[in-house]
Amino acid sequence: MAKKKSFPLRIDPELYEIIERWAQEEFRSVNAHIEFLLRDAARREGRLKKDKKKTDE
């Protein structure tokens, strides 16, 4: 598995709570769910060169 890039993320507390509950419903960590949402948006916009299937999706 390729090393992942880490960076600080500033996010509105209300939005974080929404994502946190959503992640729990999907049995993901908040971090994994944010990555899932970003990857899904990039895929839908045709910005991913190849669609990698992850085990947590």
PDB file of N, CA and C in Angstrom:
ATOM      1  N   MET A   1       0.841  -1.183   0.000  1.00  0.00           N
ATOM      2  CA  MET A   1       0.000   0.000   0.000  1.00  0.00           C
ATOM      3  C   MET A   1       0.884   1.243   0.000  1.00  0.00           C
ATOM      4  N   ALA A   2       0.551   2.204  -0.823  1.00  0.00           N
ATOM      5  CA  ALA A   2       1.310   3.442  -0.907  1.00  0.00           C
ATOM      6  C   ALA A   2       1.148   4.250   0.378  1.00  0.00           C
ATOM      7  N   LYS A   3       2.211   4.968   0.727  1.00  0.00           N
ATOM      8  CA  LYS A   3       2.155   5.826   1.912  1.00  0.00           C
ATOM      9  C   LYS A   3       1.163   6.952   1.660  1.00  0.00           C
ATOM     10  N   LYS A   4       0.371   7.255   2.668  1.00  0.00           N
ATOM     11  CA  LYS A   4      -0.641   8.298   2.526  1.00  0.00           C
ATOM     12  C   LYS A   4      -0.093   9.641   2.985  1.00  0.00           C
ATOM     13  N   LYS A   5      -0.526  10.693   2.346  1.00  0.00           N
ATOM     14  CA  LYS A   5      -0.162  12.059   2.679  1.00  0.00           C
ATOM     15  C   LYS A   5      -1.005  12.510   3.852  1.00  0.00           C
ATOM     16  N   SER A   6      -0.372  13.054   4.875  1.00  0.00           N
ATOM     17  CA  SER A   6      -1.138  13.595   6.001  1.00  0.00           C
ATOM     18  C   SER A   6      -1.023  15.117   5.984  1.00  0.00           C
ATOM     19  N   PHE A   7      -2.110  15.759   6.419  1.00  0.00           N
ATOM     20  CA  PHE A   7      -2.119  17.219   6.476  1.00  0.00           C
ATOM     21  C   PHE A   7      -3.214  17.649   7.444  1.00  0.00           C
ATOM     22  N   PRO A   8      -3.062  18.827   8.043  1.00  0.00           N
ATOM     23  CA  PRO A   8      -4.110  19.316   8.958  1.00  0.00           C
ATOM     24  C   PRO A   8      -5.343  19.754   8.157  1.00  0.00           C
ATOM     25  N   LEU A   9      -6.486  19.529   8.727  1.00  0.00           N
ATOM     26  CA  LEU A   9      -7.740  19.904   8.069  1.00  0.00           C
ATOM     27  C   LEU A   9      -8.567  20.734   9.037  1.00  0.00           C
ATOM     28  N   ARG A  10      -8.893  21.927   8.630  1.00  0.00           N
ATOM     29  CA  ARG A  10      -9.791  22.762   9.429  1.00  0.00           C
ATOM     30  C   ARG A  10     -11.190  22.570   8.868  1.00  0.00           C
ATOM     31  N   ILE A  11     -12.117  22.246   9.743  1.00  0.00           N
ATOM     32  CA  ILE A  11     -13.477  21.952   9.293  1.00  0.00           C
ATOM     33  C   ILE A  11     -14.462  22.504  10.323  1.00  0.00           C
ATOM     34  N   ASP A  12     -15.564  22.992   9.841  1.00  0.00           N
ATOM     35  CA  ASP A  12     -16.617  23.511  10.706  1.00  0.00           C
ATOM     36  C   ASP A  12     -17.063  22.418  11.668  1.00  0.00           C
ATOM     37  N   PRO A  13     -17.156  22.717  12.964  1.00  0.00           N
ATOM     38  CA  PRO A  13     -17.540  21.690  13.942  1.00  0.00           C
ATOM     39  C   PRO A  13     -18.881  21.008  13.641  1.00  0.00           C
ATOM     40  N   GLU A  14     -19.838  21.759  13.143  1.00  0.00           N
ATOM     41  CA  GLU A  14     -21.142  21.171  12.815  1.00  0.00           C
ATOM     42  C   GLU A  14     -21.012  20.163  11.663  1.00  0.00           C
ATOM     43  N   LEU A  15     -20.231  20.522  10.653  1.00  0.00           N
ATOM     44  CA  LEU A  15     -20.004  19.608   9.531  1.00  0.00           C
ATOM     45  C   LEU A  15     -19.247  18.373  10.006  1.00  0.00           C
ATOM     46  N   TYR A  16     -18.274  18.553  10.897  1.00  0.00           N
ATOM     47  CA  TYR A  16     -17.528  17.417  11.425  1.00  0.00           C
ATOM     48  C   TYR A  16     -18.466  16.438  12.134  1.00  0.00           C
ATOM     49  N   GLU A  17     -19.395  16.955  12.931  1.00  0.00           N
ATOM     50  CA  GLU A  17     -20.350  16.091  13.638  1.00  0.00           C
ATOM     51  C   GLU A  17     -21.210  15.301  12.653  1.00  0.00           C
ATOM     52  N   ILE A  18     -21.616  15.942  11.577  1.00  0.00           N
ATOM     53  CA  ILE A  18     -22.414  15.265  10.552  1.00  0.00           C
ATOM     54  C   ILE A  18     -21.597  14.130   9.922  1.00  0.00           C
ATOM     55  N   ILE A  19     -20.353  14.437   9.558  1.00  0.00           N
ATOM     56  CA  ILE A  19     -19.489  13.418   8.945  1.00  0.00           C
ATOM     57  C   ILE A  19     -19.179  12.312   9.939  1.00  0.00           C
ATOM     58  N   GLU A  20     -18.993  12.657  11.191  1.00  0.00           N
ATOM     59  CA  GLU A  20     -18.706  11.660  12.221  1.00  0.00           C
ATOM     60  C   GLU A  20     -19.862  10.670  12.369  1.00  0.00           C
ATOM     61  N   ARG A  21     -21.097  11.178  12.438  1.00  0.00           N
ATOM     62  CA  ARG A  21     -22.273  10.284  12.536  1.00  0.00           C
ATOM     63  C   ARG A  21     -22.406   9.432  11.270  1.00  0.00           C
ATOM     64  N   TRP A  22     -22.195  10.063  10.118  1.00  0.00           N
ATOM     65  CA  TRP A  22     -22.294   9.367   8.842  1.00  0.00           C
ATOM     66  C   TRP A  22     -21.255   8.248   8.778  1.00  0.00           C
ATOM     67  N   ALA A  23     -20.038   8.536   9.199  1.00  0.00           N
ATOM     68  CA  ALA A  23     -18.972   7.533   9.197  1.00  0.00           C
ATOM     69  C   ALA A  23     -19.340   6.354  10.098  1.00  0.00           C
ATOM     70  N   GLN A  24     -19.893   6.634  11.268  1.00  0.00           N
ATOM     71  CA  GLN A  24     -20.302   5.561  12.177  1.00  0.00           C
ATOM     72  C   GLN A  24     -21.349   4.671  11.529  1.00  0.00           C
ATOM     73  N   GLU A  25     -22.295   5.280  10.821  1.00  0.00           N
ATOM     74  CA  GLU A  25     -23.337   4.509  10.137  1.00  0.00           C
ATOM     75  C   GLU A  25     -22.755   3.602   9.050  1.00  0.00           C
ATOM     76  N   GLU A  26     -21.649   4.027   8.463  1.00  0.00           N
ATOM     77  CA  GLU A  26     -21.009   3.261   7.385  1.00  0.00           C
ATOM     78  C   GLU A  26     -19.870   2.383   7.911  1.00  0.00           C
ATOM     79  N   PHE A  27     -19.690   2.336   9.230  1.00  0.00           N
ATOM     80  CA  PHE A  27     -18.641   1.535   9.877  1.00  0.00           C
ATOM     81  C   PHE A  27     -17.242   1.928   9.393  1.00  0.00           C
ATOM     82  N   ARG A  28     -17.016   3.244   9.302  1.00  0.00           N
ATOM     83  CA  ARG A  28     -15.712   3.777   8.907  1.00  0.00           C
ATOM     84  C   ARG A  28     -15.237   4.756   9.964  1.00  0.00           C
ATOM     85  N   SER A  29     -13.934   5.007   9.965  1.00  0.00           N
ATOM     86  CA  SER A  29     -13.407   6.107  10.775  1.00  0.00           C
ATOM     87  C   SER A  29     -13.758   7.406  10.059  1.00  0.00           C
ATOM     88  N   VAL A  30     -13.690   8.516  10.773  1.00  0.00           N
ATOM     89  CA  VAL A  30     -13.957   9.803  10.142  1.00  0.00           C
ATOM     90  C   VAL A  30     -12.962  10.031   9.009  1.00  0.00           C
ATOM     91  N   ASN A  31     -11.692   9.743   9.264  1.00  0.00           N
ATOM     92  CA  ASN A  31     -10.664   9.929   8.246  1.00  0.00           C
ATOM     93  C   ASN A  31     -10.961   9.097   6.996  1.00  0.00           C
ATOM     94  N   ALA A  32     -11.283   7.825   7.188  1.00  0.00           N
ATOM     95  CA  ALA A  32     -11.584   6.955   6.053  1.00  0.00           C
ATOM     96  C   ALA A  32     -12.828   7.436   5.304  1.00  0.00           C
ATOM     97  N   HIS A  33     -13.804   7.955   6.033  1.00  0.00           N
ATOM     98  CA  HIS A  33     -15.027   8.411   5.374  1.00  0.00           C
ATOM     99  C   HIS A  33     -14.775   9.679   4.565  1.00  0.00           C
ATOM    100  N   ILE A  34     -13.980  10.590   5.103  1.00  0.00           N
ATOM    101  CA  ILE A  34     -13.636  11.799   4.346  1.00  0.00           C
ATOM    102  C   ILE A  34     -12.902  11.413   3.071  1.00  0.00           C
ATOM    103  N   GLU A  35     -11.957  10.475   3.162  1.00  0.00           N
ATOM    104  CA  GLU A  35     -11.244  10.017   1.970  1.00  0.00           C
ATOM    105  C   GLU A  35     -12.212   9.356   0.989  1.00  0.00           C
ATOM    106  N   PHE A  36     -13.141   8.545   1.487  1.00  0.00           N
ATOM    107  CA  PHE A  36     -14.146   7.902   0.645  1.00  0.00           C
ATOM    108  C   PHE A  36     -14.971   8.953  -0.107  1.00  0.00           C
ATOM    109  N   LEU A  37     -15.431   9.985   0.620  1.00  0.00           N
ATOM    110  CA  LEU A  37     -16.254  11.030   0.003  1.00  0.00           C
ATOM    111  C   LEU A  37     -15.471  11.804  -1.056  1.00  0.00           C
ATOM    112  N   LEU A  38     -14.215  12.127  -0.765  1.00  0.00           N
ATOM    113  CA  LEU A  38     -13.395  12.855  -1.729  1.00  0.00           C
ATOM    114  C   LEU A  38     -13.101  12.006  -2.963  1.00  0.00           C
ATOM    115  N   ARG A  39     -12.790  10.724  -2.748  1.00  0.00           N
ATOM    116  CA  ARG A  39     -12.515   9.822  -3.873  1.00  0.00           C
ATOM    117  C   ARG A  39     -13.768   9.654  -4.740  1.00  0.00           C
ATOM    118  N   ASP A  40     -14.931   9.524  -4.094  1.00  0.00           N
ATOM    119  CA  ASP A  40     -16.185   9.373  -4.833  1.00  0.00           C
ATOM    120  C   ASP A  40     -16.472  10.621  -5.665  1.00  0.00           C
ATOM    121  N   ALA A  41     -16.255  11.797  -5.077  1.00  0.00           N
ATOM    122  CA  ALA A  41     -16.478  13.045  -5.820  1.00  0.00           C
ATOM    123  C   ALA A  41     -15.515  13.149  -7.000  1.00  0.00           C
ATOM    124  N   ALA A  42     -14.250  12.808  -6.791  1.00  0.00           N
ATOM    125  CA  ALA A  42     -13.260  12.863  -7.868  1.00  0.00           C
ATOM    126  C   ALA A  42     -13.608  11.867  -8.977  1.00  0.00           C
ATOM    127  N   ARG A  43     -14.076  10.674  -8.585  1.00  0.00           N
ATOM    128  CA  ARG A  43     -14.463   9.663  -9.575  1.00  0.00           C
ATOM    129  C   ARG A  43     -15.645  10.150 -10.404  1.00  0.00           C
ATOM    130  N   ARG A  44     -16.663  10.700  -9.721  1.00  0.00           N
ATOM    131  CA  ARG A  44     -17.853  11.181 -10.432  1.00  0.00           C
ATOM    132  C   ARG A  44     -17.520  12.311 -11.402  1.00  0.00           C
ATOM    133  N   GLU A  45     -16.526  13.115 -11.067  1.00  0.00           N
ATOM    134  CA  GLU A  45     -16.123  14.225 -11.938  1.00  0.00           C
ATOM    135  C   GLU A  45     -15.126  13.808 -13.011  1.00  0.00           C
ATOM    136  N   GLY A  46     -14.771  12.515 -13.040  1.00  0.00           N
ATOM    137  CA  GLY A  46     -13.849  12.019 -14.050  1.00  0.00           C
ATOM    138  C   GLY A  46     -12.405  12.436 -13.810  1.00  0.00           C
ATOM    139  N   ARG A  47     -12.053  12.701 -12.569  1.00  0.00           N
ATOM    140  CA  ARG A  47     -10.702  13.181 -12.268  1.00  0.00           C
ATOM    141  C   ARG A  47      -9.753  12.094 -11.796  1.00  0.00           C
ATOM    142  N   LEU A  48     -10.238  10.882 -11.580  1.00  0.00           N
ATOM    143  CA  LEU A  48      -9.364   9.774 -11.210  1.00  0.00           C
ATOM    144  C   LEU A  48      -8.917   9.059 -12.474  1.00  0.00           C
ATOM    145  N   LYS A  49      -7.626   8.806 -12.592  1.00  0.00           N
ATOM    146  CA  LYS A  49      -7.120   8.110 -13.781  1.00  0.00           C
ATOM    147  C   LYS A  49      -7.574   6.671 -13.810  1.00  0.00           C
ATOM    148  N   LYS A  50      -7.537   6.000 -12.644  1.00  0.00           N
ATOM    149  CA  LYS A  50      -8.086   4.644 -12.544  1.00  0.00           C
ATOM    150  C   LYS A  50      -8.782   4.516 -11.208  1.00  0.00           C
ATOM    151  N   ASP A  51      -9.899   3.852 -11.207  1.00  0.00           N
ATOM    152  CA  ASP A  51     -10.730   3.701 -10.010  1.00  0.00           C
ATOM    153  C   ASP A  51     -10.204   2.547  -9.176  1.00  0.00           C
ATOM    154  N   LYS A  52      -9.457   2.853  -8.104  1.00  0.00           N
ATOM    155  CA  LYS A  52      -8.936   1.819  -7.216  1.00  0.00           C
ATOM    156  C   LYS A  52     -10.036   1.393  -6.261  1.00  0.00           C
ATOM    157  N   LYS A  53     -10.285   0.119  -6.185  1.00  0.00           N
ATOM    158  CA  LYS A  53     -11.300  -0.399  -5.259  1.00  0.00           C
ATOM    159  C   LYS A  53     -10.629  -0.659  -3.925  1.00  0.00           C
ATOM    160  N   LYS A  54     -11.097  -0.003  -2.885  1.00  0.00           N
ATOM    161  CA  LYS A  54     -10.555  -0.162  -1.541  1.00  0.00           C
ATOM    162  C   LYS A  54     -11.390  -1.181  -0.787  1.00  0.00           C
ATOM    163  N   THR A  55     -10.804  -1.801   0.221  1.00  0.00           N
ATOM    164  CA  THR A  55     -11.520  -2.806   1.003  1.00  0.00           C
ATOM    165  C   THR A  55     -12.564  -2.166   1.898  1.00  0.00           C
ATOM    166  N   ASP A  56     -12.410  -0.855   2.232  1.00  0.00           N
ATOM    167  CA  ASP A  56     -13.371  -0.219   3.140  1.00  0.00           C
ATOM    168  C   ASP A  56     -14.511   0.466   2.406  1.00  0.00           C
ATOM    169  N   GLU A  57     -14.549   0.404   1.078  1.00  0.00           N
ATOM    170  CA  GLU A  57     -15.613   1.063   0.331  1.00  0.00           C
ATOM    171  C   GLU A  57     -16.812   0.157   0.176  1.00  0.00           C
TER     172      GLU A  57
END
